[in-house]
Amino acid sequence: MHTILFRSDIDQTAAWKQALSAGLPTDMQLYVADSVSSGPSTNGRFHAHTSPTLLLVLTDLADWDKIAEQHPENSSLPVIYAGPRGASFQIGPGVITGQTACPVCLQQQSTLFPGLVQVAEETAVSLPPQTITRLAARLAAEVVAFIQRDTNSLLRRGYLLRQHDNSWQIYRGLRDPYCDSCSLYAHYPSEAIYIK
């Protein structure tokens, strides 16, 4: 049994939760979490003896500063971010500490690769139920591949998926080996000087 903690601060959260639950296999359960950093403490629907497998966060991906600020540092719990990004919808990054790029890594790369985190001046649109069902099915498929450690999982390999105008675009998010948030190397000196 896999436990997926679910946190959302976007519109139509109930519709997303219902569509995601319908798209997941029976051995994967979705539980509502209060916040990203809270871990297993939830609103009473999550049992403390159950260890979560994944944290799934639906949020507005246009506010990248907020995402980087809220991301838990050196968390052992993998996190998948998804949500609206202007007029498009994005799945990713999938964050495994020490293996894939975290939101802080991606934010640091924004000067080199502006398409990763910067958003064009597009307003977010309210999605019809059939679109939520379709996007939730794709998100559920990516979550299942991520949890089952599928070698074809794009999120496990550090990619971001962005749906715009009924087509999916794939972006590569590079991990910063010296990131202050997710790298162990950032907390150690890079040179050692020995004196005899």
Protein backbone atom coordinates (compact mmCIF):
# COMPACT_ATOMS: atom_id res chain seq x y z
CA MET A 1 0.00 0.00 0.00
CA HIS A 2 1.39 3.39 -1.04
CA THR A 3 0.28 6.53 0.77
CA ILE A 4 0.31 9.78 -1.21
CA LEU A 5 -0.01 13.00 0.76
CA PHE A 6 -1.96 15.56 -1.26
CA ARG A 7 -1.81 19.33 -0.78
CA SER A 8 -3.54 21.85 -2.98
CA ASP A 9 -4.04 25.60 -2.94
CA ILE A 10 -5.58 25.95 -6.41
CA ASP A 11 -9.20 26.39 -7.48
CA GLN A 12 -11.34 23.29 -7.96
CA THR A 13 -9.32 21.24 -5.44
CA ALA A 14 -12.20 18.83 -4.76
CA ALA A 15 -12.57 18.03 -8.47
CA TRP A 16 -8.80 17.44 -8.77
CA LYS A 17 -8.74 15.14 -5.72
CA GLN A 18 -11.70 13.12 -7.03
CA ALA A 19 -10.22 12.78 -10.54
CA LEU A 20 -6.78 11.83 -9.17
CA SER A 21 -8.23 9.23 -6.80
CA ALA A 22 -10.14 7.68 -9.71
CA GLY A 23 -6.94 7.47 -11.79
CA LEU A 24 -4.78 5.78 -9.14
CA PRO A 25 -4.61 2.00 -8.67
CA THR A 26 -6.21 0.50 -5.55
CA ASP A 27 -2.85 0.04 -3.79
CA MET A 28 -2.24 3.82 -3.84
CA GLN A 29 -4.30 6.04 -1.54
CA LEU A 30 -4.53 9.84 -1.58
CA TYR A 31 -4.68 11.66 1.79
CA VAL A 32 -5.06 15.39 2.29
CA ALA A 33 -2.08 17.06 4.01
CA ASP A 34 -2.25 20.47 5.68
CA SER A 35 1.04 21.84 4.33
CA VAL A 36 4.20 20.86 2.48
CA SER A 37 6.42 20.98 5.54
CA SER A 38 3.97 19.24 7.84
CA GLY A 39 4.81 15.77 6.58
CA PRO A 40 2.46 13.19 8.06
CA SER A 41 0.45 15.54 10.26
CA THR A 42 -2.86 15.89 8.46
CA ASN A 43 -6.44 16.78 9.04
CA GLY A 44 -7.36 13.51 10.72
CA ARG A 45 -7.72 11.34 7.62
CA PHE A 46 -4.15 10.11 7.71
CA HIS A 47 -2.97 7.51 10.21
CA ALA A 48 0.35 8.22 11.91
CA HIS A 49 1.47 4.58 11.69
CA THR A 50 1.42 4.76 7.89
CA SER A 51 4.60 6.04 6.30
CA PRO A 52 3.93 8.28 3.27
CA THR A 53 5.50 7.37 -0.07
CA LEU A 54 5.14 10.72 -1.82
CA LEU A 55 3.95 14.29 -1.38
CA LEU A 56 1.88 15.60 -4.31
CA VAL A 57 1.52 19.40 -4.36
CA LEU A 58 -0.96 21.16 -6.65
CA THR A 59 -0.13 24.85 -6.67
CA ASP A 60 0.09 27.82 -8.99
CA LEU A 61 3.44 27.25 -10.70
CA ALA A 62 3.59 30.86 -11.86
CA ASP A 63 4.77 31.96 -8.39
CA TRP A 64 8.13 30.18 -8.41
CA ASP A 65 9.58 32.24 -5.56
CA LYS A 66 6.83 30.94 -3.26
CA ILE A 67 7.43 27.35 -4.36
CA ALA A 68 11.19 27.55 -3.78
CA GLU A 69 10.59 29.14 -0.39
CA GLN A 70 8.08 26.47 0.74
CA HIS A 71 10.05 23.45 -0.48
CA PRO A 72 11.30 21.41 2.51
CA GLU A 73 15.12 21.32 2.65
CA ASN A 74 16.79 17.89 2.43
CA SER A 75 13.49 16.07 2.88
CA SER A 76 13.64 12.31 2.45
CA LEU A 77 10.06 12.33 1.15
CA PRO A 78 9.86 12.72 -2.66
CA VAL A 79 7.70 15.62 -3.86
CA ILE A 80 5.88 16.09 -7.17
CA TYR A 81 4.71 19.60 -8.05
CA ALA A 82 1.91 20.18 -10.56
CA GLY A 83 -0.53 22.90 -11.40
CA PRO A 84 -1.50 25.77 -13.66
CA ARG A 85 1.27 27.89 -15.11
CA GLY A 86 -0.38 30.84 -16.77
CA ALA A 87 -2.70 29.43 -19.44
CA SER A 88 -0.90 26.06 -19.49
CA PHE A 89 -0.67 23.15 -17.03
CA GLN A 90 2.63 21.75 -15.78
CA ILE A 91 3.59 18.43 -14.18
CA GLY A 92 6.93 18.57 -12.42
CA PRO A 93 9.42 18.89 -11.08
CA GLY A 94 9.52 15.55 -9.35
CA VAL A 95 11.97 16.12 -6.52
CA ILE A 96 14.09 13.33 -5.03
CA THR A 97 16.65 14.93 -2.75
CA GLY A 98 20.16 14.35 -4.05
CA GLN A 99 18.97 12.89 -7.36
CA THR A 100 16.79 15.41 -9.20
CA ALA A 101 16.54 19.20 -9.38
CA CYS A 102 14.59 20.87 -6.60
CA PRO A 103 12.67 24.15 -7.06
CA VAL A 104 15.66 26.11 -5.74
CA CYS A 105 17.95 24.48 -8.38
CA LEU A 106 15.48 25.41 -11.11
CA GLN A 107 15.13 28.94 -9.81
CA GLN A 108 18.92 29.38 -9.92
CA GLN A 109 18.93 28.26 -13.57
CA SER A 110 16.22 30.71 -14.60
CA THR A 111 18.77 33.20 -15.96
CA LEU A 112 20.16 30.55 -18.33
CA PHE A 113 16.89 28.78 -19.18
CA PRO A 114 14.06 31.30 -18.78
CA GLY A 115 11.40 28.87 -20.02
CA LEU A 116 11.83 26.66 -16.96
CA VAL A 117 10.33 28.91 -14.32
CA GLN A 118 9.39 32.24 -15.85
CA VAL A 119 5.84 32.57 -17.09
CA ALA A 120 4.61 34.56 -20.05
CA GLU A 121 1.97 37.17 -19.29
CA GLU A 122 -0.95 34.77 -19.54
CA THR A 123 -3.83 34.69 -17.13
CA ALA A 124 -4.83 31.44 -15.47
CA VAL A 125 -8.07 30.02 -16.79
CA SER A 126 -10.74 28.05 -14.96
CA LEU A 127 -10.75 24.53 -16.33
CA PRO A 128 -13.90 22.64 -17.34
CA PRO A 129 -14.49 19.27 -15.57
CA GLN A 130 -13.56 17.17 -18.63
CA THR A 131 -10.19 18.96 -18.89
CA ILE A 132 -9.52 18.37 -15.18
CA THR A 133 -10.31 14.67 -15.69
CA ARG A 134 -7.94 14.43 -18.66
CA LEU A 135 -5.08 16.29 -16.94
CA ALA A 136 -5.60 14.37 -13.69
CA ALA A 137 -5.37 11.08 -15.63
CA ARG A 138 -1.98 12.15 -17.05
CA LEU A 139 -0.83 13.32 -13.61
CA ALA A 140 -1.97 10.03 -12.03
CA ALA A 141 -0.05 8.06 -14.69
CA GLU A 142 3.10 10.08 -13.96
CA VAL A 143 2.64 9.57 -10.19
CA VAL A 144 2.25 5.79 -10.66
CA ALA A 145 5.38 5.60 -12.87
CA PHE A 146 7.29 7.70 -10.31
CA ILE A 147 6.27 5.53 -7.34
CA GLN A 148 6.89 2.25 -9.18
CA ARG A 149 10.38 3.48 -10.14
CA ASP A 150 9.59 2.99 -13.81
CA THR A 151 12.69 3.60 -15.93
CA ASN A 152 10.50 5.53 -18.40
CA SER A 153 9.29 7.96 -15.73
CA LEU A 154 10.05 11.44 -17.03
CA LEU A 155 9.76 12.97 -13.56
CA ARG A 156 12.34 10.56 -12.10
CA ARG A 157 14.75 11.59 -14.85
CA GLY A 158 14.37 15.28 -14.03
CA TYR A 159 11.96 16.42 -16.74
CA LEU A 160 9.03 18.83 -16.50
CA LEU A 161 5.94 18.28 -18.65
CA ARG A 162 3.93 21.28 -19.81
CA GLN A 163 0.57 21.04 -21.58
CA HIS A 164 -0.31 24.00 -23.76
CA ASP A 165 -2.74 24.13 -26.69
CA ASN A 166 -3.49 20.38 -26.38
CA SER A 167 0.13 19.31 -26.81
CA TRP A 168 2.76 18.33 -24.25
CA GLN A 169 6.19 19.95 -24.18
CA ILE A 170 9.07 18.41 -22.23
CA TYR A 171 11.74 20.47 -20.47
CA ARG A 172 14.87 19.21 -18.75
CA GLY A 173 15.56 20.55 -15.25
CA LEU A 174 19.24 20.23 -14.36
CA ARG A 175 20.28 19.57 -10.79
CA ASP A 176 22.75 21.97 -9.19
CA PRO A 177 25.33 19.83 -7.34
CA TYR A 178 26.05 22.75 -4.99
CA CYS A 179 22.44 23.78 -4.32
CA ASP A 180 21.96 25.16 -0.82
CA SER A 181 18.61 23.42 -0.49
CA CYS A 182 19.09 19.85 -1.73
CA SER A 183 22.82 19.12 -1.97
CA LEU A 184 25.03 17.77 0.76
CA TYR A 185 28.09 19.19 -1.00
CA ALA A 186 26.90 22.75 -0.41
CA HIS A 187 27.42 22.27 3.31
CA TYR A 188 31.05 21.13 3.07
CA PRO A 189 34.14 23.08 2.03
CA SER A 190 35.12 22.57 -1.60
CA GLU A 191 38.85 22.64 -0.87
CA ALA A 192 40.98 21.29 1.93
CA ILE A 193 44.30 22.87 2.81
CA TYR A 194 46.79 20.77 4.73
CA ILE A 195 49.59 22.50 6.63
CA LYS A 196 52.70 20.56 7.63
